[in-house]
C-alpha atoms as a PDB file:
ATOM      1  CA  UNK A   1     159.551 125.020  14.419  1.00  0.00           C
ATOM      2  CA  UNK A   2     157.922 121.727  13.425  1.00  0.00           C
ATOM      3  CA  UNK A   3     159.431 118.334  14.242  1.00  0.00           C
ATOM      4  CA  UNK A   4     159.470 116.559  10.891  1.00  0.00           C
ATOM      5  CA  UNK A   5     162.673 114.534  11.160  1.00  0.00           C
ATOM      6  CA  UNK A   6     164.078 112.892  14.286  1.00  0.00           C
ATOM      7  CA  UNK A   7     167.635 111.573  14.763  1.00  0.00           C
ATOM      8  CA  UNK A   8     167.501 108.608  17.156  1.00  0.00           C
ATOM      9  CA  UNK A   9     170.950 107.836  18.606  1.00  0.00           C
ATOM     10  CA  UNK A  10     171.331 104.454  20.292  1.00  0.00           C
ATOM     11  CA  UNK A  11     174.028 102.022  21.403  1.00  0.00           C
ATOM     12  CA  UNK A  12     171.340  99.429  22.305  1.00  0.00           C
ATOM     13  CA  UNK A  13     172.303  99.738  25.959  1.00  0.00           C
ATOM     14  CA  UNK A  14     170.417 102.761  27.308  1.00  0.00           C
ATOM     15  CA  UNK A  15     167.848 103.464  24.581  1.00  0.00           C
ATOM     16  CA  UNK A  16     165.481 100.915  23.051  1.00  0.00           C
ATOM     17  CA  UNK A  17     162.737 100.796  20.435  1.00  0.00           C
ATOM     18  CA  UNK A  18     159.956 101.212  22.981  1.00  0.00           C
ATOM     19  CA  UNK A  19     161.314 104.671  23.813  1.00  0.00           C
ATOM     20  CA  UNK A  20     161.017 105.639  20.152  1.00  0.00           C
ATOM     21  CA  UNK A  21     157.477 104.265  20.044  1.00  0.00           C
ATOM     22  CA  UNK A  22     156.563 106.572  22.942  1.00  0.00           C
ATOM     23  CA  UNK A  23     157.625 109.557  20.796  1.00  0.00           C
ATOM     24  CA  UNK A  24     155.576 108.658  17.744  1.00  0.00           C
ATOM     25  CA  UNK A  25     152.712 110.795  18.990  1.00  0.00           C
ATOM     26  CA  UNK A  26     154.759 113.539  17.317  1.00  0.00           C
ATOM     27  CA  UNK A  27     153.286 112.318  14.022  1.00  0.00           C
ATOM     28  CA  UNK A  28     150.316 114.545  14.923  1.00  0.00           C
ATOM     29  CA  UNK A  29     152.772 117.448  14.733  1.00  0.00           C
ATOM     30  CA  UNK A  30     154.280 116.556  11.327  1.00  0.00           C
ATOM     31  CA  UNK A  31     156.878 113.900  12.273  1.00  0.00           C
ATOM     32  CA  UNK A  32     157.303 111.737   9.179  1.00  0.00           C
ATOM     33  CA  UNK A  33     160.945 110.621   9.156  1.00  0.00           C
ATOM     34  CA  UNK A  34     163.152 108.806  11.687  1.00  0.00           C
ATOM     35  CA  UNK A  35     166.900 108.381  11.222  1.00  0.00           C
ATOM     36  CA  UNK A  36     168.698 105.754  13.306  1.00  0.00           C
ATOM     37  CA  UNK A  37     172.318 106.284  14.321  1.00  0.00           C
ATOM     38  CA  UNK A  38     174.603 103.730  15.942  1.00  0.00           C
ATOM     39  CA  UNK A  39     178.160 104.864  16.638  1.00  0.00           C
ATOM     40  CA  UNK A  40     180.836 102.203  17.098  1.00  0.00           C
ATOM     41  CA  UNK A  41     183.568 103.877  19.136  1.00  0.00           C
ATOM     42  CA  UNK A  42     187.052 102.607  18.268  1.00  0.00           C
ATOM     43  CA  UNK A  43     188.369 102.616  21.813  1.00  0.00           C
ATOM     44  CA  UNK A  44     185.386 100.566  22.985  1.00  0.00           C
ATOM     45  CA  UNK A  45     186.047  97.922  20.323  1.00  0.00           C
ATOM     46  CA  UNK A  46     189.694  97.669  21.371  1.00  0.00           C
ATOM     47  CA  UNK A  47     188.723  97.520  25.041  1.00  0.00           C
ATOM     48  CA  UNK A  48     186.363  94.594  24.472  1.00  0.00           C
ATOM     49  CA  UNK A  49     189.313  92.459  23.371  1.00  0.00           C
ATOM     50  CA  UNK A  50     191.941  94.048  25.579  1.00  0.00           C
ATOM     51  CA  UNK A  51     194.208  94.534  22.577  1.00  0.00           C
ATOM     52  CA  UNK A  52     194.377  96.849  19.600  1.00  0.00           C
ATOM     53  CA  UNK A  53     191.498  97.752  17.331  1.00  0.00           C
ATOM     54  CA  UNK A  54     189.794  94.627  15.973  1.00  0.00           C
ATOM     55  CA  UNK A  55     188.261  94.860  12.485  1.00  0.00           C
ATOM     56  CA  UNK A  56     186.398  91.593  12.975  1.00  0.00           C
ATOM     57  CA  UNK A  57     184.816  92.965  16.151  1.00  0.00           C
ATOM     58  CA  UNK A  58     183.708  96.054  14.247  1.00  0.00           C
ATOM     59  CA  UNK A  59     182.101  93.929  11.518  1.00  0.00           C
ATOM     60  CA  UNK A  60     180.283  91.889  14.142  1.00  0.00           C
ATOM     61  CA  UNK A  61     178.929  95.027  15.841  1.00  0.00           C
ATOM     62  CA  UNK A  62     177.881  96.490  12.504  1.00  0.00           C
ATOM     63  CA  UNK A  63     175.933  93.375  11.595  1.00  0.00           C
ATOM     64  CA  UNK A  64     174.207  93.202  14.989  1.00  0.00           C
ATOM     65  CA  UNK A  65     173.164  96.841  14.680  1.00  0.00           C
ATOM     66  CA  UNK A  66     171.979  96.314  11.109  1.00  0.00           C
ATOM     67  CA  UNK A  67     169.784  93.374  12.112  1.00  0.00           C
ATOM     68  CA  UNK A  68     168.234  95.419  14.914  1.00  0.00           C
ATOM     69  CA  UNK A  69     167.608  98.441  12.708  1.00  0.00           C
ATOM     70  CA  UNK A  70     165.996  96.339   9.948  1.00  0.00           C
ATOM     71  CA  UNK A  71     163.483  95.037  12.467  1.00  0.00           C
ATOM     72  CA  UNK A  72     162.786  98.549  13.800  1.00  0.00           C
ATOM     73  CA  UNK A  73     162.493 100.009  10.304  1.00  0.00           C
ATOM     74  CA  UNK A  74     159.903  97.440   9.253  1.00  0.00           C
ATOM     75  CA  UNK A  75     157.707  98.489  12.172  1.00  0.00           C
ATOM     76  CA  UNK A  76     158.027 102.176  11.263  1.00  0.00           C
ATOM     77  CA  UNK A  77     157.343 101.515   7.567  1.00  0.00           C
ATOM     78  CA  UNK A  78     154.078  99.857   8.583  1.00  0.00           C
ATOM     79  CA  UNK A  79     153.166 103.076  10.400  1.00  0.00           C
ATOM     80  CA  UNK A  80     153.811 105.188   7.321  1.00  0.00           C
ATOM     81  CA  UNK A  81     157.146 106.705   8.374  1.00  0.00           C
ATOM     82  CA  UNK A  82     160.296 107.156   6.313  1.00  0.00           C
ATOM     83  CA  UNK A  83     163.461 105.663   7.806  1.00  0.00           C
ATOM     84  CA  UNK A  84     167.187 106.292   7.435  1.00  0.00           C
ATOM     85  CA  UNK A  85     170.107 104.414   9.015  1.00  0.00           C
ATOM     86  CA  UNK A  86     173.700 105.272   9.914  1.00  0.00           C
ATOM     87  CA  UNK A  87     176.053 102.670  11.385  1.00  0.00           C
ATOM     88  CA  UNK A  88     179.409 104.400  11.684  1.00  0.00           C
ATOM     89  CA  UNK A  89     182.796 104.098  13.375  1.00  0.00           C
ATOM     90  CA  UNK A  90     184.194 107.137  15.162  1.00  0.00           C
ATOM     91  CA  UNK A  91     183.740 109.547  18.057  1.00  0.00           C
ATOM     92  CA  UNK A  92     180.199 109.828  19.407  1.00  0.00           C
ATOM     93  CA  UNK A  93     179.917 113.625  19.443  1.00  0.00           C
ATOM     94  CA  UNK A  94     181.402 114.140  15.986  1.00  0.00           C
ATOM     95  CA  UNK A  95     179.214 111.449  14.389  1.00  0.00           C
ATOM     96  CA  UNK A  96     176.008 112.739  16.009  1.00  0.00           C
ATOM     97  CA  UNK A  97     176.700 116.289  14.812  1.00  0.00           C
ATOM     98  CA  UNK A  98     177.614 115.059  11.339  1.00  0.00           C
ATOM     99  CA  UNK A  99     174.484 112.894  10.946  1.00  0.00           C
ATOM    100  CA  UNK A 100     172.211 115.664  12.261  1.00  0.00           C
ATOM    101  CA  UNK A 101     173.656 118.109   9.724  1.00  0.00           C
ATOM    102  CA  UNK A 102     173.486 115.703   6.790  1.00  0.00           C
ATOM    103  CA  UNK A 103     169.895 114.804   7.548  1.00  0.00           C
ATOM    104  CA  UNK A 104     168.775 118.323   8.548  1.00  0.00           C
ATOM    105  CA  UNK A 105     167.115 116.812  11.615  1.00  0.00           C
ATOM    106  CA  UNK A 106     164.748 118.811  13.797  1.00  0.00           C
ATOM    107  CA  UNK A 107     165.397 116.889  17.025  1.00  0.00           C
ATOM    108  CA  UNK A 108     168.180 114.679  18.395  1.00  0.00           C
ATOM    109  CA  UNK A 109     167.132 111.908  20.786  1.00  0.00           C
ATOM    110  CA  UNK A 110     169.849 110.258  22.866  1.00  0.00           C
ATOM    111  CA  UNK A 111     169.918 108.102  25.991  1.00  0.00           C
ATOM    112  CA  UNK A 112     171.558 109.167  29.241  1.00  0.00           C
ATOM    113  CA  UNK A 113     175.175 107.997  29.162  1.00  0.00           C
ATOM    114  CA  UNK A 114     176.539 107.133  32.573  1.00  0.00           C
ATOM    115  CA  UNK A 115     180.202 107.877  33.322  1.00  0.00           C
ATOM    116  CA  UNK A 116     182.300 107.798  36.431  1.00  0.00           C
ATOM    117  CA  UNK A 117     183.287 111.125  38.038  1.00  0.00           C
ATOM    118  CA  UNK A 118     186.838 110.688  36.734  1.00  0.00           C
ATOM    119  CA  UNK A 119     185.596 110.065  33.181  1.00  0.00           C
ATOM    120  CA  UNK A 120     183.396 113.161  33.369  1.00  0.00           C
ATOM    121  CA  UNK A 121     186.351 115.240  34.593  1.00  0.00           C
ATOM    122  CA  UNK A 122     188.693 114.017  31.872  1.00  0.00           C
ATOM    123  CA  UNK A 123     186.346 113.850  28.893  1.00  0.00           C
ATOM    124  CA  UNK A 124     183.277 115.821  29.911  1.00  0.00           C
ATOM    125  CA  UNK A 125     179.739 114.909  28.963  1.00  0.00           C
ATOM    126  CA  UNK A 126     179.041 113.836  25.391  1.00  0.00           C
ATOM    127  CA  UNK A 127     175.562 115.339  25.697  1.00  0.00           C
ATOM    128  CA  UNK A 128     176.990 118.650  26.918  1.00  0.00           C
ATOM    129  CA  UNK A 129     179.433 118.701  24.011  1.00  0.00           C
ATOM    130  CA  UNK A 130     176.661 117.910  21.515  1.00  0.00           C
ATOM    131  CA  UNK A 131     174.566 120.776  22.895  1.00  0.00           C
ATOM    132  CA  UNK A 132     177.570 123.114  22.649  1.00  0.00           C
ATOM    133  CA  UNK A 133     178.131 122.235  19.001  1.00  0.00           C
ATOM    134  CA  UNK A 134     174.593 122.102  17.633  1.00  0.00           C
ATOM    135  CA  UNK A 135     171.696 124.511  17.357  1.00  0.00           C
ATOM    136  CA  UNK A 136     169.261 121.581  17.462  1.00  0.00           C
ATOM    137  CA  UNK A 137     167.206 120.623  20.517  1.00  0.00           C
ATOM    138  CA  UNK A 138     168.440 117.448  22.234  1.00  0.00           C
ATOM    139  CA  UNK A 139     166.067 115.136  24.084  1.00  0.00           C
ATOM    140  CA  UNK A 140     167.883 113.094  26.736  1.00  0.00           C
ATOM    141  CA  UNK A 141     165.528 110.161  27.123  1.00  0.00           C
ATOM    142  CA  UNK A 142     165.166 108.602  30.588  1.00  0.00           C
ATOM    143  CA  UNK A 143     163.371 105.453  31.633  1.00  0.00           C
ATOM    144  CA  UNK A 144     161.311 106.118  34.742  1.00  0.00           C
ATOM    145  CA  UNK A 145     162.351 102.897  36.491  1.00  0.00           C
ATOM    146  CA  UNK A 146     165.364 100.542  36.404  1.00  0.00           C
ATOM    147  CA  UNK A 147     163.084  97.880  34.903  1.00  0.00           C
ATOM    148  CA  UNK A 148     162.806 100.013  31.771  1.00  0.00           C
ATOM    149  CA  UNK A 149     159.337 101.515  32.152  1.00  0.00           C
ATOM    150  CA  UNK A 150     159.151 104.437  29.754  1.00  0.00           C
ATOM    151  CA  UNK A 151     157.008 107.530  29.822  1.00  0.00           C
ATOM    152  CA  UNK A 152     153.950 106.694  27.750  1.00  0.00           C
ATOM    153  CA  UNK A 153     153.898 110.089  26.000  1.00  0.00           C
ATOM    154  CA  UNK A 154     156.854 112.335  26.980  1.00  0.00           C
ATOM    155  CA  UNK A 155     155.428 115.416  25.250  1.00  0.00           C
ATOM    156  CA  UNK A 156     152.011 115.161  26.907  1.00  0.00           C
ATOM    157  CA  UNK A 157     152.695 117.287  30.022  1.00  0.00           C
ATOM    158  CA  UNK A 158     156.023 119.105  29.690  1.00  0.00           C
ATOM    159  CA  UNK A 159     157.418 121.285  32.449  1.00  0.00           C
ATOM    160  CA  UNK A 160     159.087 124.332  30.903  1.00  0.00           C
ATOM    161  CA  UNK A 161     161.720 125.859  33.204  1.00  0.00           C
ATOM    162  CA  UNK A 162     162.559 129.399  32.134  1.00  0.00           C
ATOM    163  CA  UNK A 163     165.174 131.926  33.221  1.00  0.00           C
ATOM    164  CA  UNK A 164     164.149 134.471  30.558  1.00  0.00           C
ATOM    165  CA  UNK A 165     167.212 133.671  28.406  1.00  0.00           C
ATOM    166  CA  UNK A 166     167.127 133.568  24.568  1.00  0.00           C
ATOM    167  CA  UNK A 167     167.274 129.762  24.760  1.00  0.00           C
ATOM    168  CA  UNK A 168     164.259 129.762  27.111  1.00  0.00           C
ATOM    169  CA  UNK A 169     162.400 131.967  24.651  1.00  0.00           C
ATOM    170  CA  UNK A 170     163.295 129.565  21.852  1.00  0.00           C
ATOM    171  CA  UNK A 171     161.858 126.712  23.952  1.00  0.00           C
ATOM    172  CA  UNK A 172     158.510 128.511  23.964  1.00  0.00           C
ATOM    173  CA  UNK A 173     158.645 128.757  20.165  1.00  0.00           C
ATOM    174  CA  UNK A 174     159.480 125.058  19.978  1.00  0.00           C
ATOM    175  CA  UNK A 175     156.311 124.162  21.904  1.00  0.00           C
ATOM    176  CA  UNK A 176     153.910 126.391  19.993  1.00  0.00           C
ATOM    177  CA  UNK A 177     153.261 124.013  17.023  1.00  0.00           C
ATOM    178  CA  UNK A 178     152.630 121.016  19.319  1.00  0.00           C
ATOM    179  CA  UNK A 179     149.014 121.583  20.344  1.00  0.00           C
ATOM    180  CA  UNK A 180     148.009 118.217  18.849  1.00  0.00           C
ATOM    181  CA  UNK A 181     150.499 116.455  21.134  1.00  0.00           C
ATOM    182  CA  UNK A 182     150.719 118.526  24.337  1.00  0.00           C
ATOM    183  CA  UNK A 183     147.911 118.239  26.894  1.00  0.00           C
ATOM    184  CA  UNK A 184     149.227 120.896  29.292  1.00  0.00           C
ATOM    185  CA  UNK A 185     152.375 122.956  29.789  1.00  0.00           C
ATOM    186  CA  UNK A 186     153.493 123.984  33.269  1.00  0.00           C
ATOM    187  CA  UNK A 187     155.811 126.982  33.030  1.00  0.00           C
ATOM    188  CA  UNK A 188     158.031 127.685  36.035  1.00  0.00           C
ATOM    189  CA  UNK A 189     160.713 130.112  37.112  1.00  0.00           C
ATOM    190  CA  UNK A 190     162.976 129.370  40.076  1.00  0.00           C
ATOM    191  CA  UNK A 191     164.051 132.487  41.956  1.00  0.00           C
ATOM    192  CA  UNK A 192     167.452 132.347  43.620  1.00  0.00           C
ATOM    193  CA  UNK A 193     166.961 132.164  47.385  1.00  0.00           C
ATOM    194  CA  UNK A 194     170.266 133.952  48.033  1.00  0.00           C
ATOM    195  CA  UNK A 195     168.974 137.042  46.254  1.00  0.00           C
ATOM    196  CA  UNK A 196     166.120 137.243  48.792  1.00  0.00           C
ATOM    197  CA  UNK A 197     168.270 137.212  51.930  1.00  0.00           C
ATOM    198  CA  UNK A 198     167.566 140.182  54.119  1.00  0.00           C
ATOM    199  CA  UNK A 199     164.669 141.225  51.933  1.00  0.00           C
ATOM    200  CA  UNK A 200     161.385 142.233  53.479  1.00  0.00           C
ATOM    201  CA  UNK A 201     158.218 140.239  52.996  1.00  0.00           C
ATOM    202  CA  UNK A 202     157.066 143.006  50.684  1.00  0.00           C
ATOM    203  CA  UNK A 203     160.246 142.688  48.620  1.00  0.00           C
ATOM    204  CA  UNK A 204     159.840 138.934  48.325  1.00  0.00           C
ATOM    205  CA  UNK A 205     156.239 139.331  47.174  1.00  0.00           C
ATOM    206  CA  UNK A 206     157.356 141.929  44.648  1.00  0.00           C
ATOM    207  CA  UNK A 207     159.869 139.451  43.195  1.00  0.00           C
ATOM    208  CA  UNK A 208     157.183 136.773  43.025  1.00  0.00           C
ATOM    209  CA  UNK A 209     154.706 139.095  41.307  1.00  0.00           C
ATOM    210  CA  UNK A 210     157.264 140.270  38.757  1.00  0.00           C
ATOM    211  CA  UNK A 211     158.190 136.686  37.899  1.00  0.00           C
ATOM    212  CA  UNK A 212     154.547 135.640  37.762  1.00  0.00           C
ATOM    213  CA  UNK A 213     153.742 138.469  35.365  1.00  0.00           C
ATOM    214  CA  UNK A 214     156.447 137.292  32.960  1.00  0.00           C
ATOM    215  CA  UNK A 215     155.261 133.695  33.282  1.00  0.00           C
ATOM    216  CA  UNK A 216     151.675 134.709  32.578  1.00  0.00           C
ATOM    217  CA  UNK A 217     152.830 136.381  29.363  1.00  0.00           C
ATOM    218  CA  UNK A 218     154.444 133.095  28.266  1.00  0.00           C
ATOM    219  CA  UNK A 219     151.262 131.210  29.133  1.00  0.00           C
ATOM    220  CA  UNK A 220     149.205 133.705  27.138  1.00  0.00           C
ATOM    221  CA  UNK A 221     151.455 133.102  24.120  1.00  0.00           C
ATOM    222  CA  UNK A 222     151.025 129.337  24.391  1.00  0.00           C
ATOM    223  CA  UNK A 223     147.286 129.539  24.969  1.00  0.00           C
ATOM    224  CA  UNK A 224     146.929 131.734  21.888  1.00  0.00           C
ATOM    225  CA  UNK A 225     148.210 128.715  19.942  1.00  0.00           C
ATOM    226  CA  UNK A 226     145.715 126.387  21.577  1.00  0.00           C
ATOM    227  CA  UNK A 227     147.881 124.948  24.362  1.00  0.00           C
ATOM    228  CA  UNK A 228     146.742 124.815  27.968  1.00  0.00           C
ATOM    229  CA  UNK A 229     149.387 126.460  30.193  1.00  0.00           C
ATOM    230  CA  UNK A 230     149.849 127.191  33.902  1.00  0.00           C
ATOM    231  CA  UNK A 231     152.425 129.431  35.617  1.00  0.00           C
ATOM    232  CA  UNK A 232     154.381 128.670  38.816  1.00  0.00           C
ATOM    233  CA  UNK A 233     157.071 130.484  40.818  1.00  0.00           C
ATOM    234  CA  UNK A 234     159.463 128.456  42.984  1.00  0.00           C
ATOM    235  CA  UNK A 235     162.253 129.642  45.281  1.00  0.00           C
ATOM    236  CA  UNK A 236     165.382 127.692  46.145  1.00  0.00           C
ATOM    237  CA  UNK A 237     168.153 125.655  44.539  1.00  0.00           C
ATOM    238  CA  UNK A 238     167.307 125.584  40.846  1.00  0.00           C
ATOM    239  CA  UNK A 239     167.736 121.912  39.937  1.00  0.00           C
ATOM    240  CA  UNK A 240     166.052 120.651  43.112  1.00  0.00           C
ATOM    241  CA  UNK A 241     163.098 122.989  42.619  1.00  0.00           C
ATOM    242  CA  UNK A 242     162.692 122.051  38.959  1.00  0.00           C
ATOM    243  CA  UNK A 243     162.643 118.388  39.929  1.00  0.00           C
ATOM    244  CA  UNK A 244     160.146 119.114  42.721  1.00  0.00           C
ATOM    245  CA  UNK A 245     157.909 121.060  40.359  1.00  0.00           C
ATOM    246  CA  UNK A 246     158.023 118.250  37.795  1.00  0.00           C
ATOM    247  CA  UNK A 247     156.799 115.777  40.391  1.00  0.00           C
ATOM    248  CA  UNK A 248     154.100 118.081  41.764  1.00  0.00           C
ATOM    249  CA  UNK A 249     152.803 118.872  38.276  1.00  0.00           C
ATOM    250  CA  UNK A 250     153.010 115.204  37.212  1.00  0.00           C
ATOM    251  CA  UNK A 251     155.181 116.248  34.304  1.00  0.00           C
ATOM    252  CA  UNK A 252     156.224 113.795  31.617  1.00  0.00           C
ATOM    253  CA  UNK A 253     159.272 115.814  30.550  1.00  0.00           C
ATOM    254  CA  UNK A 254     161.433 118.747  31.623  1.00  0.00           C
ATOM    255  CA  UNK A 255     162.310 121.400  29.039  1.00  0.00           C
ATOM    256  CA  UNK A 256     165.123 123.873  29.681  1.00  0.00           C
ATOM    257  CA  UNK A 257     167.148 126.294  27.617  1.00  0.00           C
ATOM    258  CA  UNK A 258     170.905 126.000  27.674  1.00  0.00           C
ATOM    259  CA  UNK A 259     173.678 128.430  26.740  1.00  0.00           C
ATOM    260  CA  UNK A 260     176.043 125.557  25.938  1.00  0.00           C
ATOM    261  CA  UNK A 261     179.273 124.727  27.695  1.00  0.00           C
ATOM    262  CA  UNK A 262     182.543 125.986  26.276  1.00  0.00           C
ATOM    263  CA  UNK A 263     184.884 126.547  29.194  1.00  0.00           C
ATOM    264  CA  UNK A 264     186.839 124.325  31.566  1.00  0.00           C
ATOM    265  CA  UNK A 265     185.326 126.181  34.505  1.00  0.00           C
ATOM    266  CA  UNK A 266     181.804 125.177  33.529  1.00  0.00           C
ATOM    267  CA  UNK A 267     182.939 121.679  32.668  1.00  0.00           C
ATOM    268  CA  UNK A 268     184.323 121.301  36.183  1.00  0.00           C
ATOM    269  CA  UNK A 269     181.471 122.927  38.066  1.00  0.00           C
ATOM    270  CA  UNK A 270     178.649 121.735  35.841  1.00  0.00           C
ATOM    271  CA  UNK A 271     175.550 123.602  34.763  1.00  0.00           C
ATOM    272  CA  UNK A 272     171.825 123.433  35.382  1.00  0.00           C
ATOM    273  CA  UNK A 273     171.003 121.874  31.971  1.00  0.00           C
ATOM    274  CA  UNK A 274     173.833 119.364  32.378  1.00  0.00           C
ATOM    275  CA  UNK A 275     172.644 118.460  35.888  1.00  0.00           C
ATOM    276  CA  UNK A 276     169.116 117.916  34.593  1.00  0.00           C
ATOM    277  CA  UNK A 277     170.399 115.783  31.724  1.00  0.00           C
ATOM    278  CA  UNK A 278     172.620 113.688  33.991  1.00  0.00           C
ATOM    279  CA  UNK A 279     170.635 113.446  37.217  1.00  0.00           C
ATOM    280  CA  UNK A 280     166.924 114.096  36.676  1.00  0.00           C
ATOM    281  CA  UNK A 281     164.661 111.070  36.490  1.00  0.00           C
ATOM    282  CA  UNK A 282     162.578 112.833  33.851  1.00  0.00           C
ATOM    283  CA  UNK A 283     163.221 112.914  30.105  1.00  0.00           C
ATOM    284  CA  UNK A 284     164.978 116.241  29.531  1.00  0.00           C
ATOM    285  CA  UNK A 285     164.652 118.345  26.406  1.00  0.00           C
ATOM    286  CA  UNK A 286     167.530 120.830  26.158  1.00  0.00           C
ATOM    287  CA  UNK A 287     167.046 123.799  23.843  1.00  0.00           C
ATOM    288  CA  UNK A 288     170.171 125.730  22.768  1.00  0.00           C
ATOM    289  CA  UNK A 289     170.008 129.322  21.576  1.00  0.00           C
ATOM    290  CA  UNK A 290     169.126 129.923  17.947  1.00  0.00           C
ATOM    291  CA  UNK A 291     172.162 130.070  15.641  1.00  0.00           C
ATOM    292  CA  UNK A 292     173.545 133.527  15.123  1.00  0.00           C
ATOM    293  CA  UNK A 293     172.835 135.146  11.787  1.00  0.00           C
ATOM    294  CA  UNK A 294     175.881 135.375   9.490  1.00  0.00           C
ATOM    295  CA  UNK A 295     177.722 138.667   9.659  1.00  0.00           C
ATOM    296  CA  UNK A 296     176.950 141.071   6.821  1.00  0.00           C
ATOM    297  CA  UNK A 297     180.423 142.602   6.983  1.00  0.00           C
END
């Protein structure tokens, strides 16, 4: 799957033009079109004034976004890219899904949206909901420092965390066309420590060897497409070990498959992809499963 069109979602608070510039290395892998999306949420407009919805406030926000996007578009035009713009009023999740479908985007880029624990409990994560409702990969962009230092090239050294799921397999397919962008892929699997309790040293080594064999097969697939790949097995709490591996491998991004979140139980307890999106310091590319083929019945 080639990345030809990118949907860049920003509220000008957590995602800036320099983050987009750091992704333009994807032009080597066919990126030729960027679509900007700014969603003006009705409740936020009302909250700014402390009263009901203010049309004049909406117009002001629209104009500010338009001025910013014109400046950004001029820079991209100079680099030979096509540009599209959406400035819309509505709910974030619905508008992101709608724009991605209209534009047939290949990748959604969105900044990490911070919420209080109560807000997360009541409304859930917008990113989680987007992942649940789209078959497109979603890159949750993170700045590596509070001062706004971005990763120079997020796709240069991705860490691919796999649990052998269909979404993890799709992540491998997503990387295969990116040999002009990716310098090295580190592929890891985190074995659950609880499953090793009471096991003999021989049993633990057997688990490691079985996981390593599967990882080596993934690396062979990537290397056949011209990508350099290395395999690693970690044991412990999944999110912590993924974060540790990313640091040790000097990764520029974490890639993980996600089954989506569609139950209150998972919304309350969270998930590994959601934890990576919310808490990891690394840009996180979440790959949902491929859409199911229509029934022939």
